[in-house]
C-alpha atoms as a PDB file:
ATOM      1  CA  UNK A   1     -30.320  -7.050  24.733  1.00  0.00           C
ATOM      2  CA  UNK A   2     -33.240  -8.023  22.468  1.00  0.00           C
ATOM      3  CA  UNK A   3     -33.805 -11.763  22.189  1.00  0.00           C
ATOM      4  CA  UNK A   4     -34.202 -11.548  18.428  1.00  0.00           C
ATOM      5  CA  UNK A   5     -32.599  -9.213  15.894  1.00  0.00           C
ATOM      6  CA  UNK A   6     -33.904  -9.061  12.345  1.00  0.00           C
ATOM      7  CA  UNK A   7     -31.169  -6.713  11.124  1.00  0.00           C
ATOM      8  CA  UNK A   8     -27.667  -5.887  12.329  1.00  0.00           C
ATOM      9  CA  UNK A   9     -27.225  -2.653  14.229  1.00  0.00           C
ATOM     10  CA  UNK A  10     -24.317  -1.579  12.029  1.00  0.00           C
ATOM     11  CA  UNK A  11     -23.858  -2.176   8.296  1.00  0.00           C
ATOM     12  CA  UNK A  12     -21.074  -1.246   5.915  1.00  0.00           C
ATOM     13  CA  UNK A  13     -22.720  -1.018   2.507  1.00  0.00           C
ATOM     14  CA  UNK A  14     -21.107   1.118  -0.174  1.00  0.00           C
ATOM     15  CA  UNK A  15     -24.239   2.996  -1.272  1.00  0.00           C
ATOM     16  CA  UNK A  16     -22.259   5.575  -3.236  1.00  0.00           C
ATOM     17  CA  UNK A  17     -20.381   2.860  -5.099  1.00  0.00           C
ATOM     18  CA  UNK A  18     -23.612   1.398  -6.499  1.00  0.00           C
ATOM     19  CA  UNK A  19     -25.397   4.688  -7.046  1.00  0.00           C
ATOM     20  CA  UNK A  20     -25.343   4.328 -10.828  1.00  0.00           C
ATOM     21  CA  UNK A  21     -27.267   1.047 -10.604  1.00  0.00           C
ATOM     22  CA  UNK A  22     -29.799   2.766  -8.348  1.00  0.00           C
ATOM     23  CA  UNK A  23     -30.079   5.690 -10.760  1.00  0.00           C
ATOM     24  CA  UNK A  24     -30.569   3.251 -13.656  1.00  0.00           C
ATOM     25  CA  UNK A  25     -33.358   1.386 -11.850  1.00  0.00           C
ATOM     26  CA  UNK A  26     -35.075   4.621 -10.879  1.00  0.00           C
ATOM     27  CA  UNK A  27     -34.682   5.899 -14.426  1.00  0.00           C
ATOM     28  CA  UNK A  28     -36.303   2.739 -15.786  1.00  0.00           C
ATOM     29  CA  UNK A  29     -39.275   3.151 -13.431  1.00  0.00           C
ATOM     30  CA  UNK A  30     -39.623   6.777 -14.528  1.00  0.00           C
ATOM     31  CA  UNK A  31     -39.508   5.855 -18.224  1.00  0.00           C
ATOM     32  CA  UNK A  32     -42.167   3.189 -17.764  1.00  0.00           C
ATOM     33  CA  UNK A  33     -44.362   5.648 -15.866  1.00  0.00           C
ATOM     34  CA  UNK A  34     -43.907   8.423 -18.436  1.00  0.00           C
ATOM     35  CA  UNK A  35     -44.623   6.064 -21.350  1.00  0.00           C
ATOM     36  CA  UNK A  36     -47.742   4.602 -19.735  1.00  0.00           C
ATOM     37  CA  UNK A  37     -49.181   7.955 -18.606  1.00  0.00           C
ATOM     38  CA  UNK A  38     -48.468   9.593 -21.980  1.00  0.00           C
ATOM     39  CA  UNK A  39     -49.866   6.804 -24.175  1.00  0.00           C
ATOM     40  CA  UNK A  40     -52.483   5.180 -21.918  1.00  0.00           C
ATOM     41  CA  UNK A  41     -53.326   7.898 -19.423  1.00  0.00           C
ATOM     42  CA  UNK A  42     -55.272   7.116 -16.254  1.00  0.00           C
ATOM     43  CA  UNK A  43     -58.328   4.973 -15.764  1.00  0.00           C
ATOM     44  CA  UNK A  44     -60.263   7.852 -14.245  1.00  0.00           C
ATOM     45  CA  UNK A  45     -62.921   6.904 -11.730  1.00  0.00           C
ATOM     46  CA  UNK A  46     -66.266   8.485 -11.043  1.00  0.00           C
ATOM     47  CA  UNK A  47     -64.690  11.358  -9.108  1.00  0.00           C
ATOM     48  CA  UNK A  48     -62.975  12.635 -12.263  1.00  0.00           C
ATOM     49  CA  UNK A  49     -65.392  11.603 -15.031  1.00  0.00           C
ATOM     50  CA  UNK A  50     -68.769  12.444 -13.552  1.00  0.00           C
ATOM     51  CA  UNK A  51     -71.486  10.136 -12.362  1.00  0.00           C
ATOM     52  CA  UNK A  52     -74.396   9.549 -10.035  1.00  0.00           C
ATOM     53  CA  UNK A  53     -74.130   9.245  -6.271  1.00  0.00           C
ATOM     54  CA  UNK A  54     -77.048   7.928  -4.221  1.00  0.00           C
ATOM     55  CA  UNK A  55     -77.552   7.097  -0.569  1.00  0.00           C
ATOM     56  CA  UNK A  56     -80.032   4.349   0.235  1.00  0.00           C
ATOM     57  CA  UNK A  57     -81.267   3.478   3.742  1.00  0.00           C
ATOM     58  CA  UNK A  58     -82.719   0.200   4.908  1.00  0.00           C
ATOM     59  CA  UNK A  59     -84.738  -0.538   8.034  1.00  0.00           C
ATOM     60  CA  UNK A  60     -82.128  -3.105   9.090  1.00  0.00           C
ATOM     61  CA  UNK A  61     -78.364  -3.532   9.344  1.00  0.00           C
ATOM     62  CA  UNK A  62     -76.833  -4.188   5.945  1.00  0.00           C
ATOM     63  CA  UNK A  63     -74.703  -7.321   6.267  1.00  0.00           C
ATOM     64  CA  UNK A  64     -71.868  -8.365   3.969  1.00  0.00           C
ATOM     65  CA  UNK A  65     -74.212 -10.798   2.208  1.00  0.00           C
ATOM     66  CA  UNK A  66     -76.775  -8.066   1.636  1.00  0.00           C
ATOM     67  CA  UNK A  67     -74.065  -5.714   0.382  1.00  0.00           C
ATOM     68  CA  UNK A  68     -72.944  -8.400  -2.051  1.00  0.00           C
ATOM     69  CA  UNK A  69     -76.525  -8.792  -3.271  1.00  0.00           C
ATOM     70  CA  UNK A  70     -76.793  -5.032  -3.903  1.00  0.00           C
ATOM     71  CA  UNK A  71     -73.521  -5.054  -5.812  1.00  0.00           C
ATOM     72  CA  UNK A  72     -74.767  -7.917  -7.934  1.00  0.00           C
ATOM     73  CA  UNK A  73     -77.991  -6.088  -8.777  1.00  0.00           C
ATOM     74  CA  UNK A  74     -76.209  -2.863  -9.719  1.00  0.00           C
ATOM     75  CA  UNK A  75     -73.531  -4.734 -11.699  1.00  0.00           C
ATOM     76  CA  UNK A  76     -76.288  -6.303 -13.753  1.00  0.00           C
ATOM     77  CA  UNK A  77     -77.329  -2.834 -14.934  1.00  0.00           C
ATOM     78  CA  UNK A  78     -74.134  -2.563 -16.997  1.00  0.00           C
ATOM     79  CA  UNK A  79     -72.668   0.712 -15.769  1.00  0.00           C
ATOM     80  CA  UNK A  80     -69.091   1.589 -16.758  1.00  0.00           C
ATOM     81  CA  UNK A  81     -67.925   1.952 -13.162  1.00  0.00           C
ATOM     82  CA  UNK A  82     -69.482   1.499  -9.754  1.00  0.00           C
ATOM     83  CA  UNK A  83     -68.565   1.797  -6.079  1.00  0.00           C
ATOM     84  CA  UNK A  84     -70.875   0.530  -3.353  1.00  0.00           C
ATOM     85  CA  UNK A  85     -70.056   0.724   0.355  1.00  0.00           C
ATOM     86  CA  UNK A  86     -71.929   0.803   3.636  1.00  0.00           C
ATOM     87  CA  UNK A  87     -71.806   4.016   5.655  1.00  0.00           C
ATOM     88  CA  UNK A  88     -72.682   5.079   9.177  1.00  0.00           C
ATOM     89  CA  UNK A  89     -73.333   8.222  11.142  1.00  0.00           C
ATOM     90  CA  UNK A  90     -76.534  10.092  11.924  1.00  0.00           C
ATOM     91  CA  UNK A  91     -79.692   8.162  11.106  1.00  0.00           C
ATOM     92  CA  UNK A  92     -77.559   5.507   9.380  1.00  0.00           C
ATOM     93  CA  UNK A  93     -76.657   4.233  12.855  1.00  0.00           C
ATOM     94  CA  UNK A  94     -80.289   3.546  13.658  1.00  0.00           C
ATOM     95  CA  UNK A  95     -79.945   0.635  13.201  1.00  0.00           C
ATOM     96  CA  UNK A  96     -76.175   0.431  12.799  1.00  0.00           C
ATOM     97  CA  UNK A  97     -74.752   0.447   9.245  1.00  0.00           C
ATOM     98  CA  UNK A  98     -78.192   0.657   7.675  1.00  0.00           C
ATOM     99  CA  UNK A  99     -77.159   2.928   4.785  1.00  0.00           C
ATOM    100  CA  UNK A 100     -75.343   2.164   1.568  1.00  0.00           C
ATOM    101  CA  UNK A 101     -73.581   4.663  -0.708  1.00  0.00           C
ATOM    102  CA  UNK A 102     -73.916   3.882  -4.415  1.00  0.00           C
ATOM    103  CA  UNK A 103     -71.759   5.653  -6.984  1.00  0.00           C
ATOM    104  CA  UNK A 104     -71.990   4.741 -10.652  1.00  0.00           C
ATOM    105  CA  UNK A 105     -70.717   6.064 -13.960  1.00  0.00           C
ATOM    106  CA  UNK A 106     -73.541   5.881 -16.538  1.00  0.00           C
ATOM    107  CA  UNK A 107     -73.027   4.301 -19.927  1.00  0.00           C
ATOM    108  CA  UNK A 108     -72.241   6.583 -22.893  1.00  0.00           C
ATOM    109  CA  UNK A 109     -75.232   8.702 -23.904  1.00  0.00           C
ATOM    110  CA  UNK A 110     -77.180   7.516 -20.859  1.00  0.00           C
ATOM    111  CA  UNK A 111     -78.965  10.281 -18.985  1.00  0.00           C
ATOM    112  CA  UNK A 112     -77.764  10.628 -15.401  1.00  0.00           C
ATOM    113  CA  UNK A 113     -81.267  11.034 -14.008  1.00  0.00           C
ATOM    114  CA  UNK A 114     -82.397   7.964 -15.932  1.00  0.00           C
ATOM    115  CA  UNK A 115     -79.492   6.012 -14.406  1.00  0.00           C
ATOM    116  CA  UNK A 116     -80.533   7.105 -10.908  1.00  0.00           C
ATOM    117  CA  UNK A 117     -84.142   6.025 -11.566  1.00  0.00           C
ATOM    118  CA  UNK A 118     -82.944   2.680 -12.876  1.00  0.00           C
ATOM    119  CA  UNK A 119     -81.012   2.008  -9.664  1.00  0.00           C
ATOM    120  CA  UNK A 120     -83.993   3.028  -7.532  1.00  0.00           C
ATOM    121  CA  UNK A 121     -86.340   0.738  -9.431  1.00  0.00           C
ATOM    122  CA  UNK A 122     -83.860  -2.144  -9.232  1.00  0.00           C
ATOM    123  CA  UNK A 123     -83.418  -1.928  -5.452  1.00  0.00           C
ATOM    124  CA  UNK A 124     -87.159  -1.656  -4.917  1.00  0.00           C
ATOM    125  CA  UNK A 125     -89.123  -0.510  -1.904  1.00  0.00           C
ATOM    126  CA  UNK A 126     -86.805  -2.139   0.653  1.00  0.00           C
ATOM    127  CA  UNK A 127     -84.591   0.940   0.454  1.00  0.00           C
ATOM    128  CA  UNK A 128     -85.366   4.599   0.986  1.00  0.00           C
ATOM    129  CA  UNK A 129     -83.418   6.719  -1.487  1.00  0.00           C
ATOM    130  CA  UNK A 130     -81.706   9.829  -0.108  1.00  0.00           C
ATOM    131  CA  UNK A 131     -79.337  12.539  -1.325  1.00  0.00           C
ATOM    132  CA  UNK A 132     -79.163  11.701  -5.010  1.00  0.00           C
ATOM    133  CA  UNK A 133     -76.400  13.812  -6.580  1.00  0.00           C
ATOM    134  CA  UNK A 134     -75.250  14.195 -10.158  1.00  0.00           C
ATOM    135  CA  UNK A 135     -71.582  15.074 -10.723  1.00  0.00           C
ATOM    136  CA  UNK A 136     -71.089  16.633 -14.136  1.00  0.00           C
ATOM    137  CA  UNK A 137     -68.024  15.992 -16.349  1.00  0.00           C
ATOM    138  CA  UNK A 138     -66.893  19.637 -16.201  1.00  0.00           C
ATOM    139  CA  UNK A 139     -66.823  19.706 -12.408  1.00  0.00           C
ATOM    140  CA  UNK A 140     -65.037  16.346 -12.367  1.00  0.00           C
ATOM    141  CA  UNK A 141     -62.384  17.590 -14.810  1.00  0.00           C
ATOM    142  CA  UNK A 142     -61.720  20.632 -12.628  1.00  0.00           C
ATOM    143  CA  UNK A 143     -61.434  18.327  -9.624  1.00  0.00           C
ATOM    144  CA  UNK A 144     -58.858  16.183 -11.449  1.00  0.00           C
ATOM    145  CA  UNK A 145     -56.648  19.164 -12.288  1.00  0.00           C
ATOM    146  CA  UNK A 146     -56.990  20.506  -8.752  1.00  0.00           C
ATOM    147  CA  UNK A 147     -55.804  17.149  -7.380  1.00  0.00           C
ATOM    148  CA  UNK A 148     -52.777  17.107  -9.689  1.00  0.00           C
ATOM    149  CA  UNK A 149     -51.905  20.682  -8.739  1.00  0.00           C
ATOM    150  CA  UNK A 150     -52.210  19.801  -5.049  1.00  0.00           C
ATOM    151  CA  UNK A 151     -49.730  16.934  -5.471  1.00  0.00           C
ATOM    152  CA  UNK A 152     -47.215  19.140  -7.285  1.00  0.00           C
ATOM    153  CA  UNK A 153     -47.596  21.908  -4.715  1.00  0.00           C
ATOM    154  CA  UNK A 154     -47.056  19.411  -1.890  1.00  0.00           C
ATOM    155  CA  UNK A 155     -43.718  18.304  -3.387  1.00  0.00           C
ATOM    156  CA  UNK A 156     -42.620  21.935  -3.866  1.00  0.00           C
ATOM    157  CA  UNK A 157     -43.540  22.934  -0.306  1.00  0.00           C
ATOM    158  CA  UNK A 158     -41.739  19.885   1.089  1.00  0.00           C
ATOM    159  CA  UNK A 159     -38.618  20.917  -0.846  1.00  0.00           C
ATOM    160  CA  UNK A 160     -38.871  24.483   0.455  1.00  0.00           C
ATOM    161  CA  UNK A 161     -39.205  23.242   4.022  1.00  0.00           C
ATOM    162  CA  UNK A 162     -36.165  20.947   3.657  1.00  0.00           C
ATOM    163  CA  UNK A 163     -34.144  23.791   2.106  1.00  0.00           C
ATOM    164  CA  UNK A 164     -34.986  26.035   5.069  1.00  0.00           C
ATOM    165  CA  UNK A 165     -34.420  23.273   7.607  1.00  0.00           C
ATOM    166  CA  UNK A 166     -31.056  22.254   6.111  1.00  0.00           C
ATOM    167  CA  UNK A 167     -29.525  23.907   3.018  1.00  0.00           C
ATOM    168  CA  UNK A 168     -30.814  24.556  -0.481  1.00  0.00           C
ATOM    169  CA  UNK A 169     -28.894  21.590  -1.887  1.00  0.00           C
ATOM    170  CA  UNK A 170     -30.870  19.284   0.382  1.00  0.00           C
ATOM    171  CA  UNK A 171     -34.105  20.923  -0.769  1.00  0.00           C
ATOM    172  CA  UNK A 172     -33.370  20.180  -4.430  1.00  0.00           C
ATOM    173  CA  UNK A 173     -32.402  16.600  -3.642  1.00  0.00           C
ATOM    174  CA  UNK A 174     -35.576  16.130  -1.573  1.00  0.00           C
ATOM    175  CA  UNK A 175     -37.737  17.568  -4.370  1.00  0.00           C
ATOM    176  CA  UNK A 176     -36.250  15.176  -6.945  1.00  0.00           C
ATOM    177  CA  UNK A 177     -36.534  12.112  -4.692  1.00  0.00           C
ATOM    178  CA  UNK A 178     -40.044  12.869  -3.413  1.00  0.00           C
ATOM    179  CA  UNK A 179     -41.301  13.911  -6.842  1.00  0.00           C
ATOM    180  CA  UNK A 180     -39.895  10.672  -8.229  1.00  0.00           C
ATOM    181  CA  UNK A 181     -41.737   8.598  -5.614  1.00  0.00           C
ATOM    182  CA  UNK A 182     -45.056  10.343  -6.247  1.00  0.00           C
ATOM    183  CA  UNK A 183     -44.738  10.191 -10.041  1.00  0.00           C
ATOM    184  CA  UNK A 184     -43.728   6.520 -10.150  1.00  0.00           C
ATOM    185  CA  UNK A 185     -46.608   5.607  -7.852  1.00  0.00           C
ATOM    186  CA  UNK A 186     -48.975   7.568 -10.101  1.00  0.00           C
ATOM    187  CA  UNK A 187     -47.505   5.571 -12.977  1.00  0.00           C
ATOM    188  CA  UNK A 188     -48.520   2.381 -11.172  1.00  0.00           C
ATOM    189  CA  UNK A 189     -52.183   3.399 -11.549  1.00  0.00           C
ATOM    190  CA  UNK A 190     -51.658   3.871 -15.280  1.00  0.00           C
ATOM    191  CA  UNK A 191     -49.666   0.679 -15.883  1.00  0.00           C
ATOM    192  CA  UNK A 192     -52.130  -1.557 -13.992  1.00  0.00           C
ATOM    193  CA  UNK A 193     -55.221   0.383 -15.158  1.00  0.00           C
ATOM    194  CA  UNK A 194     -56.333   0.942 -11.579  1.00  0.00           C
ATOM    195  CA  UNK A 195     -59.156   3.373 -10.894  1.00  0.00           C
ATOM    196  CA  UNK A 196     -57.701   6.831 -10.372  1.00  0.00           C
ATOM    197  CA  UNK A 197     -59.955   8.692  -7.941  1.00  0.00           C
ATOM    198  CA  UNK A 198     -59.770  11.242  -5.147  1.00  0.00           C
ATOM    199  CA  UNK A 199     -58.610   8.382  -2.942  1.00  0.00           C
ATOM    200  CA  UNK A 200     -55.648   7.953  -5.299  1.00  0.00           C
ATOM    201  CA  UNK A 201     -54.737  11.628  -4.873  1.00  0.00           C
ATOM    202  CA  UNK A 202     -54.945  11.128  -1.109  1.00  0.00           C
ATOM    203  CA  UNK A 203     -52.580   8.150  -1.438  1.00  0.00           C
ATOM    204  CA  UNK A 204     -50.052  10.235  -3.409  1.00  0.00           C
ATOM    205  CA  UNK A 205     -50.141  13.063  -0.871  1.00  0.00           C
ATOM    206  CA  UNK A 206     -49.783  10.585   1.993  1.00  0.00           C
ATOM    207  CA  UNK A 207     -46.853   8.986   0.217  1.00  0.00           C
ATOM    208  CA  UNK A 208     -45.138  12.363  -0.269  1.00  0.00           C
ATOM    209  CA  UNK A 209     -45.249  12.956   3.480  1.00  0.00           C
ATOM    210  CA  UNK A 210     -44.074   9.440   4.278  1.00  0.00           C
ATOM    211  CA  UNK A 211     -41.259   9.473   1.739  1.00  0.00           C
ATOM    212  CA  UNK A 212     -39.761  12.737   2.943  1.00  0.00           C
ATOM    213  CA  UNK A 213     -39.648  11.397   6.499  1.00  0.00           C
ATOM    214  CA  UNK A 214     -36.988   8.796   5.680  1.00  0.00           C
ATOM    215  CA  UNK A 215     -35.085  11.295   3.543  1.00  0.00           C
ATOM    216  CA  UNK A 216     -34.987  13.899   6.294  1.00  0.00           C
ATOM    217  CA  UNK A 217     -33.761  11.329   8.820  1.00  0.00           C
ATOM    218  CA  UNK A 218     -30.765  10.541   6.583  1.00  0.00           C
ATOM    219  CA  UNK A 219     -30.138  14.245   5.886  1.00  0.00           C
ATOM    220  CA  UNK A 220     -30.209  15.010   9.593  1.00  0.00           C
ATOM    221  CA  UNK A 221     -27.614  12.318  10.286  1.00  0.00           C
ATOM    222  CA  UNK A 222     -25.424  13.657   7.459  1.00  0.00           C
ATOM    223  CA  UNK A 223     -25.523  17.120   9.002  1.00  0.00           C
ATOM    224  CA  UNK A 224     -24.736  15.708  12.433  1.00  0.00           C
ATOM    225  CA  UNK A 225     -21.781  13.717  11.106  1.00  0.00           C
ATOM    226  CA  UNK A 226     -20.451  16.758   9.207  1.00  0.00           C
ATOM    227  CA  UNK A 227     -19.931  18.449  12.561  1.00  0.00           C
ATOM    228  CA  UNK A 228     -18.336  15.352  14.037  1.00  0.00           C
ATOM    229  CA  UNK A 229     -16.084  14.339  11.112  1.00  0.00           C
ATOM    230  CA  UNK A 230     -14.975  17.663   9.674  1.00  0.00           C
ATOM    231  CA  UNK A 231     -12.315  16.202   7.349  1.00  0.00           C
ATOM    232  CA  UNK A 232     -14.378  13.317   5.924  1.00  0.00           C
ATOM    233  CA  UNK A 233     -15.247  13.357   2.215  1.00  0.00           C
ATOM    234  CA  UNK A 234     -18.899  13.931   1.369  1.00  0.00           C
ATOM    235  CA  UNK A 235     -19.169  10.518  -0.326  1.00  0.00           C
ATOM    236  CA  UNK A 236     -17.850   8.756   2.774  1.00  0.00           C
ATOM    237  CA  UNK A 237     -20.073  10.900   4.954  1.00  0.00           C
ATOM    238  CA  UNK A 238     -23.141   9.834   2.967  1.00  0.00           C
ATOM    239  CA  UNK A 239     -22.162   6.179   3.196  1.00  0.00           C
ATOM    240  CA  UNK A 240     -21.584   6.426   6.946  1.00  0.00           C
ATOM    241  CA  UNK A 241     -24.839   8.273   7.636  1.00  0.00           C
ATOM    242  CA  UNK A 242     -26.964   6.013   5.432  1.00  0.00           C
ATOM    243  CA  UNK A 243     -25.541   2.876   7.029  1.00  0.00           C
ATOM    244  CA  UNK A 244     -26.178   4.276  10.497  1.00  0.00           C
ATOM    245  CA  UNK A 245     -29.840   4.879   9.681  1.00  0.00           C
ATOM    246  CA  UNK A 246     -30.442   1.822   7.491  1.00  0.00           C
ATOM    247  CA  UNK A 247     -31.826  -0.458  10.199  1.00  0.00           C
ATOM    248  CA  UNK A 248     -34.121   2.271  11.483  1.00  0.00           C
ATOM    249  CA  UNK A 249     -35.371   3.011   7.958  1.00  0.00           C
ATOM    250  CA  UNK A 250     -36.097  -0.624   7.104  1.00  0.00           C
ATOM    251  CA  UNK A 251     -37.810  -1.357  10.413  1.00  0.00           C
ATOM    252  CA  UNK A 252     -39.991   1.748  10.103  1.00  0.00           C
ATOM    253  CA  UNK A 253     -41.000   0.831   6.554  1.00  0.00           C
ATOM    254  CA  UNK A 254     -41.683  -2.787   7.535  1.00  0.00           C
ATOM    255  CA  UNK A 255     -43.814  -1.755  10.517  1.00  0.00           C
ATOM    256  CA  UNK A 256     -45.835   0.630   8.342  1.00  0.00           C
ATOM    257  CA  UNK A 257     -46.340  -2.027   5.675  1.00  0.00           C
ATOM    258  CA  UNK A 258     -47.460  -4.605   8.237  1.00  0.00           C
ATOM    259  CA  UNK A 259     -50.118  -2.231   9.522  1.00  0.00           C
ATOM    260  CA  UNK A 260     -51.439  -1.618   5.987  1.00  0.00           C
ATOM    261  CA  UNK A 261     -51.385  -5.161   4.567  1.00  0.00           C
ATOM    262  CA  UNK A 262     -54.551  -6.297   6.466  1.00  0.00           C
ATOM    263  CA  UNK A 263     -56.441  -3.315   5.011  1.00  0.00           C
ATOM    264  CA  UNK A 264     -55.327  -4.311   1.521  1.00  0.00           C
ATOM    265  CA  UNK A 265     -56.700  -7.840   1.828  1.00  0.00           C
ATOM    266  CA  UNK A 266     -59.766  -7.305   4.001  1.00  0.00           C
ATOM    267  CA  UNK A 267     -61.110  -3.849   3.041  1.00  0.00           C
ATOM    268  CA  UNK A 268     -61.887  -3.948  -0.707  1.00  0.00           C
ATOM    269  CA  UNK A 269     -62.979  -0.299  -0.778  1.00  0.00           C
ATOM    270  CA  UNK A 270     -59.424   0.758   0.160  1.00  0.00           C
ATOM    271  CA  UNK A 271     -57.554  -1.661  -2.087  1.00  0.00           C
ATOM    272  CA  UNK A 272     -56.259   0.961  -4.537  1.00  0.00           C
ATOM    273  CA  UNK A 273     -55.303   3.304  -1.701  1.00  0.00           C
ATOM    274  CA  UNK A 274     -53.443   0.707   0.366  1.00  0.00           C
ATOM    275  CA  UNK A 275     -51.883  -0.892  -2.710  1.00  0.00           C
ATOM    276  CA  UNK A 276     -50.460   2.460  -3.773  1.00  0.00           C
ATOM    277  CA  UNK A 277     -49.136   3.115  -0.268  1.00  0.00           C
ATOM    278  CA  UNK A 278     -47.460  -0.320  -0.084  1.00  0.00           C
ATOM    279  CA  UNK A 279     -45.819   0.208  -3.483  1.00  0.00           C
ATOM    280  CA  UNK A 280     -44.824   3.724  -2.469  1.00  0.00           C
ATOM    281  CA  UNK A 281     -43.235   2.474   0.754  1.00  0.00           C
ATOM    282  CA  UNK A 282     -40.929   0.207  -1.246  1.00  0.00           C
ATOM    283  CA  UNK A 283     -40.078   2.888  -3.820  1.00  0.00           C
ATOM    284  CA  UNK A 284     -39.727   5.592  -1.170  1.00  0.00           C
ATOM    285  CA  UNK A 285     -37.460   3.505   1.033  1.00  0.00           C
ATOM    286  CA  UNK A 286     -35.268   2.698  -1.968  1.00  0.00           C
ATOM    287  CA  UNK A 287     -35.014   6.313  -3.133  1.00  0.00           C
ATOM    288  CA  UNK A 288     -34.391   7.631   0.387  1.00  0.00           C
ATOM    289  CA  UNK A 289     -31.606   5.094   0.879  1.00  0.00           C
ATOM    290  CA  UNK A 290     -29.894   5.021  -2.506  1.00  0.00           C
ATOM    291  CA  UNK A 291     -30.882   8.174  -4.381  1.00  0.00           C
ATOM    292  CA  UNK A 292     -31.748  11.229  -2.261  1.00  0.00           C
ATOM    293  CA  UNK A 293     -28.418  11.600  -0.463  1.00  0.00           C
ATOM    294  CA  UNK A 294     -26.363  10.511  -3.501  1.00  0.00           C
ATOM    295  CA  UNK A 295     -27.812  13.418  -5.481  1.00  0.00           C
ATOM    296  CA  UNK A 296     -25.895  15.767  -3.186  1.00  0.00           C
ATOM    297  CA  UNK A 297     -22.722  14.684  -4.997  1.00  0.00           C
ATOM    298  CA  UNK A 298     -23.936  16.395  -8.170  1.00  0.00           C
ATOM    299  CA  UNK A 299     -24.844  19.691  -6.535  1.00  0.00           C
ATOM    300  CA  UNK A 300     -22.549  22.398  -5.139  1.00  0.00           C
ATOM    301  CA  UNK A 301     -21.100  20.963  -1.947  1.00  0.00           C
ATOM    302  CA  UNK A 302     -22.928  21.929   1.256  1.00  0.00           C
ATOM    303  CA  UNK A 303     -21.043  24.254   3.551  1.00  0.00           C
ATOM    304  CA  UNK A 304     -18.254  22.505   5.421  1.00  0.00           C
ATOM    305  CA  UNK A 305     -17.933  19.545   3.007  1.00  0.00           C
ATOM    306  CA  UNK A 306     -14.595  18.313   1.726  1.00  0.00           C
ATOM    307  CA  UNK A 307     -14.685  18.782  -2.039  1.00  0.00           C
ATOM    308  CA  UNK A 308     -12.852  15.651  -3.208  1.00  0.00           C
ATOM    309  CA  UNK A 309     -13.593  14.060  -6.583  1.00  0.00           C
ATOM    310  CA  UNK A 310     -15.741  10.931  -6.253  1.00  0.00           C
ATOM    311  CA  UNK A 311     -15.178   7.951  -8.502  1.00  0.00           C
ATOM    312  CA  UNK A 312     -17.484   4.998  -9.118  1.00  0.00           C
ATOM    313  CA  UNK A 313     -15.440   2.988  -6.640  1.00  0.00           C
ATOM    314  CA  UNK A 314     -15.813   5.594  -3.861  1.00  0.00           C
END
């Protein structure tokens, strides 16, 4: 027996009885997200607005202090947005971490080539400039729409897979719950005015895959219990299955969060990505526990379910 238990092995929470409170909370999050995205939009980063990307190589390893000095110099140039990180690989590992990637969004009406020259002149002869690229607004706009389409397609394909793996009712429920998690997390970027970049799209796609994992685990237990308890009402079956998997769900989410928290605090370049994932873990765990399975009550009953009316006290 384990020496220490954080959670009981068996719980008896009436998830169906409080489903309306869960729906209300989820609805509030959705309304906030819709309002913010509609009226404020996203704070699009360089990936989606266009900009200048430059790689600079030094003859020495770029330390954290040196990286901070470079950031200070580039910040002083007054660009709208900037991202500066060290990179490795190839000649950048000779010596190790001797290259820095600089990405900036020029000021309005500022020529991109002029911005690149300004950065080069500011850094001086200590750095050899390589691979200067200009990303135009049109290409960036197409990239933004492609990222949004990829997120929507991911949710649809997840729903199709769940429908094939279980039944179509489960697929619809999974699509609603996963789509909710992705949309609310996207709303977080809008509400907090975080930079929305390709990394943000990656975070949303990662979250979609993570969120469906918990949902499928609960669905699988529901299907297993349907075979075992053939005369049990669907509402009671959902409660039983969710309680059986609750400890596993919480421990999995906690372990994932613990592994990500250090990245959030100690890797500034990944702060938006890890922050979105941490928020998504909380939202996804909540929706998988309280919402996804409860939605089955409002769809035609899966095969083999006892069709008994469910009240708020069920």
